[in-house]
Amino acid sequence: AEGDTGALSLLLVNGVTFYAYLQLSWVVLGRVAAVTHSVCNSLRRPVLCVFGWLQFGNEVTAVNAAGIALASLGTLAYAQVRIREGKSAE
């Protein structure tokens, strides 16, 4: 019974924090350009992976590192293209 209470507590905390994340995301979207929001959101996953590995000390395989690098570089390349397109449109 105590395990069920712990699982329900974690589920509740997960729901509340996800709701807060979504609300904050809308606030940020209202203050920055959609492209900026998209780039930041895309970088969120690899950054969280790196912090997770640093926090918990999990082994980072070559495939994991390649995935993080690919996701980060792809996001940065996309941002650079969008910035250049925006400057050429002015």
N, C-alpha and C. Protein backbone atom coordinates (compact mmCIF):
# COMPACT_ATOMS: atom_id res chain seq x y z
N ALA A 1 0.82 -1.19 0.00
CA ALA A 1 0.00 0.00 0.00
C ALA A 1 0.87 1.26 0.00
N GLU A 2 2.02 1.19 0.72
CA GLU A 2 2.88 2.37 0.76
C GLU A 2 3.52 2.62 -0.60
N GLY A 3 3.81 1.57 -1.36
CA GLY A 3 4.36 1.72 -2.70
C GLY A 3 3.39 2.40 -3.63
N ASP A 4 2.07 2.10 -3.45
CA ASP A 4 1.05 2.74 -4.27
C ASP A 4 0.99 4.23 -3.97
N THR A 5 1.12 4.60 -2.71
CA THR A 5 1.10 6.01 -2.32
C THR A 5 2.29 6.75 -2.91
N GLY A 6 3.46 6.12 -2.88
CA GLY A 6 4.65 6.74 -3.45
C GLY A 6 4.52 6.92 -4.95
N ALA A 7 3.97 5.92 -5.63
CA ALA A 7 3.78 6.01 -7.07
C ALA A 7 2.76 7.09 -7.42
N LEU A 8 1.70 7.18 -6.65
CA LEU A 8 0.70 8.21 -6.89
C LEU A 8 1.26 9.60 -6.62
N SER A 9 2.09 9.72 -5.60
CA SER A 9 2.73 11.01 -5.31
C SER A 9 3.63 11.44 -6.47
N LEU A 10 4.42 10.49 -6.98
CA LEU A 10 5.28 10.80 -8.11
C LEU A 10 4.47 11.17 -9.35
N LEU A 11 3.37 10.48 -9.55
CA LEU A 11 2.49 10.79 -10.68
C LEU A 11 1.91 12.19 -10.55
N LEU A 12 1.51 12.56 -9.36
CA LEU A 12 0.98 13.90 -9.12
C LEU A 12 2.05 14.97 -9.34
N VAL A 13 3.24 14.74 -8.81
CA VAL A 13 4.34 15.69 -9.00
C VAL A 13 4.67 15.81 -10.49
N ASN A 14 4.69 14.69 -11.20
CA ASN A 14 4.97 14.71 -12.62
C ASN A 14 3.92 15.54 -13.37
N GLY A 15 2.66 15.35 -13.05
CA GLY A 15 1.59 16.10 -13.69
C GLY A 15 1.67 17.58 -13.42
N VAL A 16 1.94 17.95 -12.19
CA VAL A 16 2.03 19.37 -11.82
C VAL A 16 3.22 20.03 -12.50
N THR A 17 4.37 19.36 -12.51
CA THR A 17 5.54 19.96 -13.14
C THR A 17 5.38 20.05 -14.66
N PHE A 18 4.73 19.08 -15.27
CA PHE A 18 4.50 19.16 -16.72
C PHE A 18 3.54 20.29 -17.04
N TYR A 19 2.52 20.47 -16.23
CA TYR A 19 1.59 21.58 -16.42
C TYR A 19 2.33 22.91 -16.30
N ALA A 20 3.21 23.03 -15.32
CA ALA A 20 3.99 24.25 -15.13
C ALA A 20 4.90 24.49 -16.34
N TYR A 21 5.50 23.42 -16.85
CA TYR A 21 6.34 23.52 -18.04
C TYR A 21 5.54 24.05 -19.23
N LEU A 22 4.35 23.51 -19.44
CA LEU A 22 3.52 23.96 -20.56
C LEU A 22 3.11 25.43 -20.41
N GLN A 23 2.76 25.83 -19.21
CA GLN A 23 2.38 27.22 -18.98
C GLN A 23 3.57 28.15 -19.23
N LEU A 24 4.74 27.78 -18.73
CA LEU A 24 5.93 28.58 -18.94
C LEU A 24 6.28 28.64 -20.42
N SER A 25 6.08 27.54 -21.12
CA SER A 25 6.33 27.51 -22.56
C SER A 25 5.46 28.52 -23.29
N TRP A 26 4.19 28.63 -22.91
CA TRP A 26 3.29 29.61 -23.53
C TRP A 26 3.73 31.03 -23.21
N VAL A 27 4.19 31.27 -21.99
CA VAL A 27 4.67 32.60 -21.63
C VAL A 27 5.88 32.98 -22.47
N VAL A 28 6.82 32.05 -22.59
CA VAL A 28 8.02 32.30 -23.39
C VAL A 28 7.64 32.53 -24.86
N LEU A 29 6.73 31.72 -25.39
CA LEU A 29 6.30 31.86 -26.78
C LEU A 29 5.68 33.23 -27.03
N GLY A 30 5.00 33.76 -26.04
CA GLY A 30 4.41 35.08 -26.18
C GLY A 30 5.43 36.21 -26.17
N ARG A 31 6.65 35.93 -25.70
CA ARG A 31 7.66 36.98 -25.57
C ARG A 31 8.78 36.89 -26.60
N VAL A 32 8.93 35.75 -27.26
CA VAL A 32 10.00 35.59 -28.25
C VAL A 32 9.39 35.14 -29.58
N ALA A 33 10.19 35.18 -30.62
CA ALA A 33 9.74 34.72 -31.93
C ALA A 33 9.53 33.20 -31.90
N ALA A 34 8.65 32.74 -32.77
CA ALA A 34 8.35 31.31 -32.82
C ALA A 34 9.58 30.48 -33.14
N VAL A 35 10.45 31.00 -34.00
CA VAL A 35 11.68 30.27 -34.35
C VAL A 35 12.59 30.15 -33.13
N THR A 36 12.74 31.22 -32.38
CA THR A 36 13.55 31.18 -31.17
C THR A 36 13.00 30.16 -30.19
N HIS A 37 11.70 30.14 -30.03
CA HIS A 37 11.07 29.17 -29.14
C HIS A 37 11.33 27.76 -29.63
N SER A 38 11.21 27.54 -30.92
CA SER A 38 11.43 26.21 -31.49
C SER A 38 12.87 25.75 -31.29
N VAL A 39 13.82 26.65 -31.51
CA VAL A 39 15.23 26.30 -31.33
C VAL A 39 15.52 25.96 -29.88
N CYS A 40 15.02 26.77 -28.97
CA CYS A 40 15.23 26.49 -27.54
C CYS A 40 14.59 25.16 -27.13
N ASN A 41 13.41 24.91 -27.65
CA ASN A 41 12.73 23.66 -27.33
C ASN A 41 13.49 22.46 -27.90
N SER A 42 14.07 22.62 -29.07
CA SER A 42 14.84 21.53 -29.68
C SER A 42 16.12 21.25 -28.91
N LEU A 43 16.73 22.28 -28.36
CA LEU A 43 17.96 22.08 -27.59
C LEU A 43 17.69 21.52 -26.19
N ARG A 44 16.46 21.57 -25.77
CA ARG A 44 16.11 21.12 -24.42
C ARG A 44 16.47 19.64 -24.21
N ARG A 45 16.15 18.80 -25.16
CA ARG A 45 16.39 17.36 -24.98
C ARG A 45 17.86 17.00 -24.83
N PRO A 46 18.73 17.43 -25.77
CA PRO A 46 20.14 17.07 -25.56
C PRO A 46 20.74 17.66 -24.29
N VAL A 47 20.32 18.87 -23.93
CA VAL A 47 20.82 19.49 -22.70
C VAL A 47 20.39 18.67 -21.48
N LEU A 48 19.14 18.24 -21.48
CA LEU A 48 18.66 17.41 -20.36
C LEU A 48 19.39 16.08 -20.30
N CYS A 49 19.71 15.50 -21.46
CA CYS A 49 20.47 14.25 -21.47
C CYS A 49 21.84 14.45 -20.84
N VAL A 50 22.52 15.51 -21.23
CA VAL A 50 23.85 15.77 -20.68
C VAL A 50 23.77 16.00 -19.17
N PHE A 51 22.84 16.82 -18.71
CA PHE A 51 22.71 17.06 -17.27
C PHE A 51 22.32 15.78 -16.53
N GLY A 52 21.50 14.95 -17.13
CA GLY A 52 21.14 13.67 -16.52
C GLY A 52 22.35 12.77 -16.35
N TRP A 53 23.17 12.71 -17.38
CA TRP A 53 24.37 11.88 -17.28
C TRP A 53 25.34 12.45 -16.25
N LEU A 54 25.46 13.76 -16.19
CA LEU A 54 26.33 14.35 -15.19
C LEU A 54 25.81 14.10 -13.77
N GLN A 55 24.51 14.21 -13.60
CA GLN A 55 23.91 14.04 -12.27
C GLN A 55 23.97 12.59 -11.79
N PHE A 56 23.63 11.65 -12.69
CA PHE A 56 23.51 10.26 -12.26
C PHE A 56 24.72 9.41 -12.60
N GLY A 57 25.67 9.96 -13.34
CA GLY A 57 26.91 9.24 -13.62
C GLY A 57 26.77 8.06 -14.56
N ASN A 58 25.74 8.06 -15.39
CA ASN A 58 25.58 6.97 -16.36
C ASN A 58 26.66 7.05 -17.43
N GLU A 59 26.97 5.90 -17.99
CA GLU A 59 27.96 5.85 -19.06
C GLU A 59 27.38 6.47 -20.33
N VAL A 60 28.18 7.28 -21.00
CA VAL A 60 27.77 7.87 -22.27
C VAL A 60 28.46 7.09 -23.37
N THR A 61 27.66 6.36 -24.15
CA THR A 61 28.22 5.57 -25.24
C THR A 61 28.50 6.47 -26.44
N ALA A 62 29.22 5.94 -27.40
CA ALA A 62 29.51 6.70 -28.62
C ALA A 62 28.22 7.04 -29.36
N VAL A 63 27.26 6.14 -29.34
CA VAL A 63 25.98 6.40 -30.02
C VAL A 63 25.23 7.53 -29.31
N ASN A 64 25.23 7.53 -27.98
CA ASN A 64 24.60 8.61 -27.22
C ASN A 64 25.25 9.95 -27.53
N ALA A 65 26.57 9.98 -27.51
CA ALA A 65 27.30 11.23 -27.78
C ALA A 65 27.03 11.70 -29.21
N ALA A 66 26.99 10.78 -30.15
CA ALA A 66 26.72 11.15 -31.54
C ALA A 66 25.31 11.71 -31.68
N GLY A 67 24.35 11.13 -30.98
CA GLY A 67 22.98 11.63 -31.02
C GLY A 67 22.85 13.02 -30.44
N ILE A 68 23.51 13.26 -29.33
CA ILE A 68 23.49 14.60 -28.73
C ILE A 68 24.15 15.61 -29.65
N ALA A 69 25.30 15.24 -30.22
CA ALA A 69 25.99 16.15 -31.13
C ALA A 69 25.15 16.43 -32.37
N LEU A 70 24.53 15.41 -32.92
CA LEU A 70 23.70 15.59 -34.11
C LEU A 70 22.50 16.48 -33.83
N ALA A 71 21.84 16.25 -32.72
CA ALA A 71 20.68 17.06 -32.36
C ALA A 71 21.08 18.52 -32.12
N SER A 72 22.18 18.72 -31.43
CA SER A 72 22.64 20.08 -31.14
C SER A 72 23.09 20.80 -32.41
N LEU A 73 23.88 20.14 -33.23
CA LEU A 73 24.35 20.76 -34.46
C LEU A 73 23.21 21.03 -35.44
N GLY A 74 22.26 20.11 -35.52
CA GLY A 74 21.10 20.32 -36.38
C GLY A 74 20.29 21.53 -35.95
N THR A 75 20.11 21.67 -34.66
CA THR A 75 19.37 22.81 -34.13
C THR A 75 20.11 24.12 -34.41
N LEU A 76 21.41 24.11 -34.20
CA LEU A 76 22.20 25.31 -34.45
C LEU A 76 22.21 25.67 -35.93
N ALA A 77 22.32 24.67 -36.80
CA ALA A 77 22.28 24.93 -38.25
C ALA A 77 20.93 25.51 -38.65
N TYR A 78 19.87 24.96 -38.11
CA TYR A 78 18.53 25.48 -38.41
C TYR A 78 18.40 26.93 -37.96
N ALA A 79 18.91 27.23 -36.79
CA ALA A 79 18.83 28.60 -36.28
C ALA A 79 19.62 29.55 -37.17
N GLN A 80 20.80 29.13 -37.63
CA GLN A 80 21.60 29.98 -38.50
C GLN A 80 20.90 30.25 -39.82
N VAL A 81 20.28 29.23 -40.40
CA VAL A 81 19.55 29.40 -41.65
C VAL A 81 18.39 30.38 -41.46
N ARG A 82 17.66 30.22 -40.38
CA ARG A 82 16.52 31.11 -40.12
C ARG A 82 16.99 32.55 -39.89
N ILE A 83 18.13 32.71 -39.23
CA ILE A 83 18.65 34.06 -39.00
C ILE A 83 19.05 34.68 -40.34
N ARG A 84 19.71 33.93 -41.19
CA ARG A 84 20.11 34.46 -42.51
C ARG A 84 18.89 34.78 -43.36
N GLU A 85 17.88 33.93 -43.31
CA GLU A 85 16.66 34.19 -44.08
C GLU A 85 15.98 35.46 -43.58
N GLY A 86 15.97 35.67 -42.30
CA GLY A 86 15.37 36.85 -41.73
C GLY A 86 16.11 38.11 -42.11
N LYS A 87 17.45 38.05 -42.15
CA LYS A 87 18.24 39.22 -42.53
C LYS A 87 18.08 39.54 -44.00
N SER A 88 17.96 38.51 -44.84
CA SER A 88 17.81 38.77 -46.27
C SER A 88 16.43 39.31 -46.61
N ALA A 89 15.46 39.05 -45.77
CA ALA A 89 14.09 39.54 -46.01
C ALA A 89 13.94 41.00 -45.61
N GLU A 90 14.87 41.52 -44.82
CA GLU A 90 14.76 42.92 -44.35
C GLU A 90 15.12 43.92 -45.38
